[in-house]
Amino acid sequence: MAREPVLSRHRLPRTFRVSLAALWVLPVGLLVGTILLSRGFTVALLDPRLWLPLALMLLPALYVWREGVDVLPSGIVRRVHWPRYYPYEQLDNWYFDKHPDRRMLTVWDGCSRKVLECRAGHLTDLPRLMASLKTNLRDRQWPV
């Protein structure tokens, strides 16, 4: 697959993404700030045994920031757990459950496996994502 332009990105709303990422970065900042206030800049701050666990604590913030769906001209990229590209030829159908207590978008591949399942409130610009799915996939009226 050649590098394609991203037609639209669908992530958590910005306020939630910033809040969750800040929640994961805050302990790292507090720990380093506390060390700096109590002892000042010391050689201990350069120790990899300090920075390796701190770097591991930043991974959830990176995950929350990148999680979502990218729409390309030839398919979608699902960024849940690991980014994975699905061409439209591999996808079979999709369904949006409109019930107020659910509002869930589900996309299946050709083998009837769920490729993507997410709540409407977890993605920005959901109508644009559904319009892209509608033009490229068949719309199943009832869930599998």
N, C-alpha and C. Protein backbone atom coordinates (compact mmCIF):
# COMPACT_ATOMS: atom_id res chain seq x y z
N MET A 1 0.84 -1.17 0.00
CA MET A 1 0.00 0.00 0.00
C MET A 1 0.89 1.24 0.00
N ALA A 2 0.73 2.06 -1.00
CA ALA A 2 1.46 3.31 -1.05
C ALA A 2 0.88 4.28 -0.02
N ARG A 3 1.66 5.25 0.34
CA ARG A 3 1.21 6.25 1.31
C ARG A 3 0.02 7.02 0.75
N GLU A 4 -1.11 6.92 1.41
CA GLU A 4 -2.33 7.56 0.95
C GLU A 4 -2.69 8.73 1.86
N PRO A 5 -3.40 9.70 1.31
CA PRO A 5 -3.84 10.80 2.17
C PRO A 5 -4.96 10.34 3.11
N VAL A 6 -4.95 10.86 4.31
CA VAL A 6 -6.00 10.55 5.27
C VAL A 6 -7.17 11.48 5.00
N LEU A 7 -8.32 10.91 4.64
CA LEU A 7 -9.50 11.72 4.35
C LEU A 7 -10.12 12.30 5.62
N SER A 8 -10.15 11.50 6.68
CA SER A 8 -10.68 11.99 7.95
C SER A 8 -10.12 11.13 9.09
N ARG A 9 -9.97 11.77 10.24
CA ARG A 9 -9.51 11.09 11.45
C ARG A 9 -10.64 11.15 12.48
N HIS A 10 -10.84 10.05 13.16
CA HIS A 10 -11.91 9.97 14.16
C HIS A 10 -11.29 9.46 15.45
N ARG A 11 -11.22 10.33 16.44
CA ARG A 11 -10.61 10.02 17.73
C ARG A 11 -11.60 10.35 18.84
N LEU A 12 -11.16 10.16 20.08
CA LEU A 12 -11.95 10.66 21.20
C LEU A 12 -12.05 12.18 21.07
N PRO A 13 -13.12 12.78 21.55
CA PRO A 13 -13.17 14.25 21.53
C PRO A 13 -11.95 14.84 22.24
N ARG A 14 -11.48 15.97 21.74
CA ARG A 14 -10.21 16.55 22.20
C ARG A 14 -10.15 16.76 23.72
N THR A 15 -11.22 17.21 24.34
CA THR A 15 -11.16 17.43 25.80
C THR A 15 -10.91 16.13 26.55
N PHE A 16 -11.51 15.04 26.09
CA PHE A 16 -11.28 13.75 26.75
C PHE A 16 -9.87 13.24 26.49
N ARG A 17 -9.40 13.38 25.26
CA ARG A 17 -8.03 12.93 24.96
C ARG A 17 -7.00 13.68 25.77
N VAL A 18 -7.15 15.00 25.84
CA VAL A 18 -6.19 15.80 26.61
C VAL A 18 -6.27 15.44 28.09
N SER A 19 -7.48 15.29 28.61
CA SER A 19 -7.65 14.96 30.04
C SER A 19 -7.05 13.60 30.38
N LEU A 20 -7.33 12.60 29.55
CA LEU A 20 -6.78 11.26 29.83
C LEU A 20 -5.27 11.21 29.67
N ALA A 21 -4.74 11.87 28.66
CA ALA A 21 -3.28 11.91 28.48
C ALA A 21 -2.63 12.65 29.65
N ALA A 22 -3.22 13.74 30.10
CA ALA A 22 -2.68 14.48 31.24
C ALA A 22 -2.73 13.63 32.51
N LEU A 23 -3.77 12.84 32.66
CA LEU A 23 -3.89 11.96 33.82
C LEU A 23 -2.73 10.97 33.88
N TRP A 24 -2.30 10.47 32.73
CA TRP A 24 -1.20 9.52 32.69
C TRP A 24 0.17 10.19 32.79
N VAL A 25 0.28 11.44 32.35
CA VAL A 25 1.55 12.16 32.40
C VAL A 25 1.77 12.80 33.78
N LEU A 26 0.70 13.10 34.49
CA LEU A 26 0.79 13.79 35.77
C LEU A 26 1.70 13.09 36.79
N PRO A 27 1.59 11.78 37.02
CA PRO A 27 2.49 11.15 38.00
C PRO A 27 3.98 11.29 37.64
N VAL A 28 4.28 11.23 36.36
CA VAL A 28 5.68 11.39 35.93
C VAL A 28 6.15 12.80 36.27
N GLY A 29 5.34 13.80 35.95
CA GLY A 29 5.70 15.18 36.26
C GLY A 29 5.82 15.43 37.75
N LEU A 30 4.89 14.85 38.53
CA LEU A 30 4.96 15.01 39.99
C LEU A 30 6.21 14.39 40.57
N LEU A 31 6.57 13.21 40.12
CA LEU A 31 7.76 12.53 40.64
C LEU A 31 9.03 13.31 40.30
N VAL A 32 9.17 13.70 39.05
CA VAL A 32 10.37 14.45 38.66
C VAL A 32 10.38 15.82 39.35
N GLY A 33 9.23 16.48 39.44
CA GLY A 33 9.16 17.77 40.14
C GLY A 33 9.51 17.66 41.60
N THR A 34 9.05 16.60 42.25
CA THR A 34 9.36 16.39 43.67
C THR A 34 10.85 16.15 43.85
N ILE A 35 11.46 15.37 43.00
CA ILE A 35 12.91 15.13 43.10
C ILE A 35 13.67 16.44 42.90
N LEU A 36 13.26 17.23 41.92
CA LEU A 36 13.93 18.51 41.67
C LEU A 36 13.76 19.48 42.84
N LEU A 37 12.57 19.53 43.44
CA LEU A 37 12.35 20.43 44.57
C LEU A 37 13.09 20.00 45.82
N SER A 38 13.17 18.70 46.05
CA SER A 38 13.79 18.22 47.29
C SER A 38 15.32 18.22 47.23
N ARG A 39 15.90 17.86 46.12
CA ARG A 39 17.35 17.73 46.03
C ARG A 39 17.98 18.63 44.97
N GLY A 40 17.18 19.23 44.16
CA GLY A 40 17.74 20.01 43.05
C GLY A 40 18.16 19.06 41.94
N PHE A 41 18.86 19.59 40.95
CA PHE A 41 19.31 18.73 39.85
C PHE A 41 20.48 17.90 40.33
N THR A 42 20.32 16.57 40.32
CA THR A 42 21.38 15.66 40.73
C THR A 42 21.67 14.68 39.60
N VAL A 43 22.77 13.96 39.76
CA VAL A 43 23.15 12.95 38.77
C VAL A 43 22.12 11.81 38.76
N ALA A 44 21.41 11.60 39.86
CA ALA A 44 20.40 10.54 39.94
C ALA A 44 19.28 10.74 38.92
N LEU A 45 19.05 11.97 38.52
CA LEU A 45 18.02 12.23 37.51
C LEU A 45 18.40 11.70 36.14
N LEU A 46 19.69 11.43 35.92
CA LEU A 46 20.14 10.91 34.63
C LEU A 46 20.17 9.38 34.60
N ASP A 47 19.81 8.75 35.68
CA ASP A 47 19.86 7.29 35.79
C ASP A 47 18.75 6.64 34.95
N PRO A 48 19.11 5.70 34.06
CA PRO A 48 18.08 5.02 33.26
C PRO A 48 17.10 4.20 34.10
N ARG A 49 17.50 3.79 35.30
CA ARG A 49 16.59 3.04 36.17
C ARG A 49 15.43 3.92 36.63
N LEU A 50 15.58 5.22 36.58
CA LEU A 50 14.48 6.12 36.87
C LEU A 50 13.64 6.37 35.62
N TRP A 51 14.29 6.60 34.49
CA TRP A 51 13.58 7.03 33.29
C TRP A 51 12.89 5.89 32.55
N LEU A 52 13.38 4.67 32.67
CA LEU A 52 12.70 3.55 32.00
C LEU A 52 11.29 3.32 32.56
N PRO A 53 11.10 3.22 33.88
CA PRO A 53 9.71 3.09 34.37
C PRO A 53 8.85 4.32 34.06
N LEU A 54 9.47 5.50 34.09
CA LEU A 54 8.72 6.71 33.76
C LEU A 54 8.28 6.70 32.30
N ALA A 55 9.16 6.23 31.43
CA ALA A 55 8.81 6.14 30.01
C ALA A 55 7.69 5.12 29.81
N LEU A 56 7.73 4.01 30.54
CA LEU A 56 6.66 3.02 30.45
C LEU A 56 5.32 3.58 30.94
N MET A 57 5.38 4.50 31.89
CA MET A 57 4.15 5.13 32.39
C MET A 57 3.54 6.06 31.35
N LEU A 58 4.33 6.52 30.39
CA LEU A 58 3.84 7.42 29.36
C LEU A 58 3.17 6.68 28.19
N LEU A 59 3.37 5.37 28.09
CA LEU A 59 2.77 4.60 26.99
C LEU A 59 1.23 4.66 26.97
N PRO A 60 0.54 4.56 28.10
CA PRO A 60 -0.93 4.71 28.03
C PRO A 60 -1.37 6.07 27.51
N ALA A 61 -0.63 7.11 27.83
CA ALA A 61 -0.97 8.45 27.32
C ALA A 61 -0.84 8.48 25.81
N LEU A 62 0.20 7.87 25.29
CA LEU A 62 0.39 7.79 23.84
C LEU A 62 -0.72 6.96 23.20
N TYR A 63 -1.09 5.86 23.84
CA TYR A 63 -2.16 5.01 23.32
C TYR A 63 -3.48 5.77 23.23
N VAL A 64 -3.84 6.47 24.31
CA VAL A 64 -5.09 7.22 24.34
C VAL A 64 -5.08 8.30 23.27
N TRP A 65 -3.93 8.92 23.04
CA TRP A 65 -3.84 10.00 22.07
C TRP A 65 -4.02 9.50 20.64
N ARG A 66 -3.53 8.30 20.33
CA ARG A 66 -3.54 7.79 18.96
C ARG A 66 -4.74 6.91 18.64
N GLU A 67 -5.46 6.41 19.63
CA GLU A 67 -6.56 5.48 19.41
C GLU A 67 -7.66 6.11 18.57
N GLY A 68 -8.22 5.34 17.63
CA GLY A 68 -9.31 5.84 16.81
C GLY A 68 -9.35 5.16 15.44
N VAL A 69 -9.94 5.85 14.46
CA VAL A 69 -10.10 5.31 13.11
C VAL A 69 -9.68 6.39 12.11
N ASP A 70 -8.87 5.99 11.14
CA ASP A 70 -8.50 6.87 10.03
C ASP A 70 -9.17 6.35 8.77
N VAL A 71 -9.77 7.24 7.99
CA VAL A 71 -10.41 6.86 6.73
C VAL A 71 -9.48 7.25 5.59
N LEU A 72 -9.12 6.26 4.77
CA LEU A 72 -8.28 6.46 3.59
C LEU A 72 -9.14 6.24 2.34
N PRO A 73 -8.66 6.65 1.17
CA PRO A 73 -9.45 6.40 -0.05
C PRO A 73 -9.69 4.92 -0.32
N SER A 74 -8.77 4.04 0.09
CA SER A 74 -8.90 2.62 -0.23
C SER A 74 -9.30 1.75 0.96
N GLY A 75 -9.47 2.33 2.15
CA GLY A 75 -9.81 1.52 3.31
C GLY A 75 -9.79 2.34 4.58
N ILE A 76 -9.81 1.62 5.71
CA ILE A 76 -9.74 2.28 7.01
C ILE A 76 -8.55 1.74 7.79
N VAL A 77 -8.03 2.57 8.67
CA VAL A 77 -6.99 2.15 9.61
C VAL A 77 -7.61 2.20 10.99
N ARG A 78 -7.68 1.05 11.61
CA ARG A 78 -8.23 0.95 12.96
C ARG A 78 -7.07 1.07 13.94
N ARG A 79 -7.09 2.09 14.76
CA ARG A 79 -6.03 2.29 15.74
C ARG A 79 -6.55 1.94 17.13
N VAL A 80 -6.81 0.67 17.32
CA VAL A 80 -7.20 0.13 18.62
C VAL A 80 -6.22 -0.99 18.91
N HIS A 81 -5.55 -0.93 20.02
CA HIS A 81 -4.45 -1.81 20.40
C HIS A 81 -3.28 -1.59 19.44
N TRP A 82 -3.28 -2.23 18.28
CA TRP A 82 -2.24 -2.00 17.27
C TRP A 82 -2.90 -1.43 16.02
N PRO A 83 -2.26 -0.46 15.36
CA PRO A 83 -2.84 0.05 14.11
C PRO A 83 -2.92 -1.06 13.07
N ARG A 84 -4.05 -1.16 12.41
CA ARG A 84 -4.23 -2.19 11.38
C ARG A 84 -5.03 -1.60 10.23
N TYR A 85 -4.55 -1.84 9.02
CA TYR A 85 -5.20 -1.35 7.81
C TYR A 85 -6.15 -2.40 7.28
N TYR A 86 -7.37 -1.98 6.94
CA TYR A 86 -8.38 -2.85 6.34
C TYR A 86 -8.82 -2.22 5.02
N PRO A 87 -8.49 -2.82 3.88
CA PRO A 87 -9.02 -2.30 2.61
C PRO A 87 -10.52 -2.57 2.54
N TYR A 88 -11.22 -1.74 1.79
CA TYR A 88 -12.68 -1.90 1.68
C TYR A 88 -13.05 -3.25 1.09
N GLU A 89 -12.20 -3.83 0.24
CA GLU A 89 -12.49 -5.15 -0.35
C GLU A 89 -12.53 -6.23 0.71
N GLN A 90 -11.78 -6.05 1.81
CA GLN A 90 -11.73 -7.04 2.88
C GLN A 90 -12.91 -6.88 3.84
N LEU A 91 -13.50 -5.70 3.89
CA LEU A 91 -14.63 -5.46 4.77
C LEU A 91 -15.94 -5.85 4.09
N ASP A 92 -16.89 -6.32 4.87
CA ASP A 92 -18.13 -6.80 4.29
C ASP A 92 -19.28 -5.83 4.54
N ASN A 93 -19.58 -5.53 5.80
CA ASN A 93 -20.72 -4.67 6.09
C ASN A 93 -20.52 -3.95 7.41
N TRP A 94 -21.46 -3.07 7.70
CA TRP A 94 -21.42 -2.30 8.95
C TRP A 94 -22.84 -2.07 9.44
N TYR A 95 -22.95 -1.76 10.72
CA TYR A 95 -24.25 -1.52 11.33
C TYR A 95 -24.08 -0.48 12.43
N PHE A 96 -25.00 0.46 12.48
CA PHE A 96 -25.02 1.45 13.55
C PHE A 96 -26.28 1.26 14.37
N ASP A 97 -26.12 0.87 15.61
CA ASP A 97 -27.25 0.68 16.52
C ASP A 97 -27.66 2.05 17.06
N LYS A 98 -28.84 2.51 16.68
CA LYS A 98 -29.29 3.86 17.00
C LYS A 98 -29.99 3.99 18.35
N HIS A 99 -30.15 2.91 19.08
CA HIS A 99 -30.83 3.00 20.37
C HIS A 99 -30.08 3.98 21.28
N PRO A 100 -30.82 4.86 21.97
CA PRO A 100 -30.16 5.90 22.77
C PRO A 100 -29.21 5.36 23.85
N ASP A 101 -29.52 4.20 24.41
CA ASP A 101 -28.65 3.67 25.46
C ASP A 101 -27.43 2.92 24.91
N ARG A 102 -27.39 2.64 23.61
CA ARG A 102 -26.26 1.91 23.01
C ARG A 102 -25.46 2.78 22.07
N ARG A 103 -26.06 3.21 20.96
CA ARG A 103 -25.40 4.00 19.92
C ARG A 103 -24.00 3.44 19.60
N MET A 104 -23.99 2.23 19.03
CA MET A 104 -22.76 1.49 18.78
C MET A 104 -22.56 1.28 17.28
N LEU A 105 -21.35 1.55 16.80
CA LEU A 105 -20.97 1.30 15.41
C LEU A 105 -20.17 0.01 15.35
N THR A 106 -20.57 -0.90 14.46
CA THR A 106 -19.86 -2.17 14.31
C THR A 106 -19.57 -2.39 12.83
N VAL A 107 -18.34 -2.82 12.53
CA VAL A 107 -17.92 -3.13 11.16
C VAL A 107 -17.40 -4.56 11.14
N TRP A 108 -17.83 -5.36 10.14
CA TRP A 108 -17.42 -6.75 10.00
C TRP A 108 -16.58 -6.93 8.74
N ASP A 109 -15.72 -7.94 8.77
CA ASP A 109 -14.96 -8.28 7.57
C ASP A 109 -15.70 -9.36 6.78
N GLY A 110 -15.08 -9.88 5.72
CA GLY A 110 -15.71 -10.87 4.86
C GLY A 110 -15.98 -12.20 5.54
N CYS A 111 -15.27 -12.50 6.63
CA CYS A 111 -15.46 -13.76 7.37
C CYS A 111 -16.38 -13.57 8.57
N SER A 112 -17.13 -12.48 8.59
CA SER A 112 -18.07 -12.16 9.66
C SER A 112 -17.40 -11.99 11.03
N ARG A 113 -16.16 -11.51 11.03
CA ARG A 113 -15.47 -11.17 12.28
C ARG A 113 -15.58 -9.67 12.49
N LYS A 114 -15.75 -9.27 13.74
CA LYS A 114 -15.82 -7.85 14.05
C LYS A 114 -14.44 -7.23 13.87
N VAL A 115 -14.40 -6.21 13.05
CA VAL A 115 -13.16 -5.47 12.81
C VAL A 115 -13.10 -4.25 13.71
N LEU A 116 -14.24 -3.64 13.90
CA LEU A 116 -14.31 -2.41 14.70
C LEU A 116 -15.65 -2.38 15.43
N GLU A 117 -15.59 -2.05 16.71
CA GLU A 117 -16.81 -1.85 17.48
C GLU A 117 -16.53 -0.71 18.46
N CYS A 118 -17.30 0.36 18.33
CA CYS A 118 -17.06 1.51 19.21
C CYS A 118 -18.36 2.26 19.43
N ARG A 119 -18.41 2.95 20.53
CA ARG A 119 -19.57 3.77 20.87
C ARG A 119 -19.49 5.09 20.12
N ALA A 120 -20.64 5.63 19.80
CA ALA A 120 -20.70 6.87 19.02
C ALA A 120 -20.02 8.02 19.74
N GLY A 121 -20.13 8.09 21.04
CA GLY A 121 -19.53 9.17 21.80
C GLY A 121 -18.02 9.11 21.88
N HIS A 122 -17.43 7.98 21.48
CA HIS A 122 -15.99 7.83 21.56
C HIS A 122 -15.26 8.29 20.31
N LEU A 123 -16.00 8.68 19.26
CA LEU A 123 -15.36 9.11 18.02
C LEU A 123 -15.86 10.49 17.62
N THR A 124 -14.95 11.31 17.15
CA THR A 124 -15.34 12.62 16.63
C THR A 124 -15.85 12.46 15.22
N ASP A 125 -16.74 13.31 14.82
CA ASP A 125 -17.28 13.37 13.46
C ASP A 125 -17.78 12.02 12.95
N LEU A 126 -18.59 11.36 13.78
CA LEU A 126 -19.12 10.04 13.42
C LEU A 126 -19.95 10.06 12.14
N PRO A 127 -20.77 11.07 11.86
CA PRO A 127 -21.54 11.06 10.61
C PRO A 127 -20.64 11.00 9.37
N ARG A 128 -19.49 11.62 9.42
CA ARG A 128 -18.56 11.57 8.28
C ARG A 128 -17.98 10.17 8.10
N LEU A 129 -17.66 9.51 9.21
CA LEU A 129 -17.18 8.13 9.14
C LEU A 129 -18.25 7.21 8.59
N MET A 130 -19.49 7.38 9.04
CA MET A 130 -20.58 6.54 8.55
C MET A 130 -20.88 6.82 7.08
N ALA A 131 -20.72 8.06 6.64
CA ALA A 131 -20.92 8.37 5.21
C ALA A 131 -19.87 7.69 4.36
N SER A 132 -18.64 7.64 4.85
CA SER A 132 -17.59 6.94 4.12
C SER A 132 -17.86 5.44 4.06
N LEU A 133 -18.33 4.87 5.18
CA LEU A 133 -18.67 3.44 5.18
C LEU A 133 -19.85 3.17 4.25
N LYS A 134 -20.82 4.09 4.24
CA LYS A 134 -22.01 3.90 3.40
C LYS A 134 -21.65 3.89 1.92
N THR A 135 -20.70 4.71 1.50
CA THR A 135 -20.33 4.76 0.08
C THR A 135 -19.49 3.56 -0.33
N ASN A 136 -18.79 2.93 0.61
CA ASN A 136 -17.86 1.86 0.26
C ASN A 136 -18.29 0.46 0.70
N LEU A 137 -19.24 0.36 1.62
CA LEU A 137 -19.68 -0.95 2.12
C LEU A 137 -21.20 -1.01 2.11
N ARG A 138 -21.72 -2.23 2.19
CA ARG A 138 -23.17 -2.35 2.29
C ARG A 138 -23.58 -2.17 3.74
N ASP A 139 -24.73 -1.61 3.95
CA ASP A 139 -25.26 -1.32 5.27
C ASP A 139 -26.18 -2.45 5.70
N ARG A 140 -25.79 -3.17 6.72
CA ARG A 140 -26.63 -4.24 7.23
C ARG A 140 -27.68 -3.63 8.14
N GLN A 141 -28.92 -4.00 7.95
CA GLN A 141 -30.00 -3.42 8.73
C GLN A 141 -30.13 -4.04 10.12
N TRP A 142 -29.69 -5.28 10.31
CA TRP A 142 -29.79 -5.92 11.60
C TRP A 142 -28.42 -6.48 11.98
N PRO A 143 -28.07 -6.46 13.26
CA PRO A 143 -26.74 -7.00 13.65
C PRO A 143 -26.67 -8.49 13.40
N VAL A 144 -25.43 -8.96 13.25
CA VAL A 144 -25.17 -10.39 13.00
C VAL A 144 -25.50 -11.20 14.23
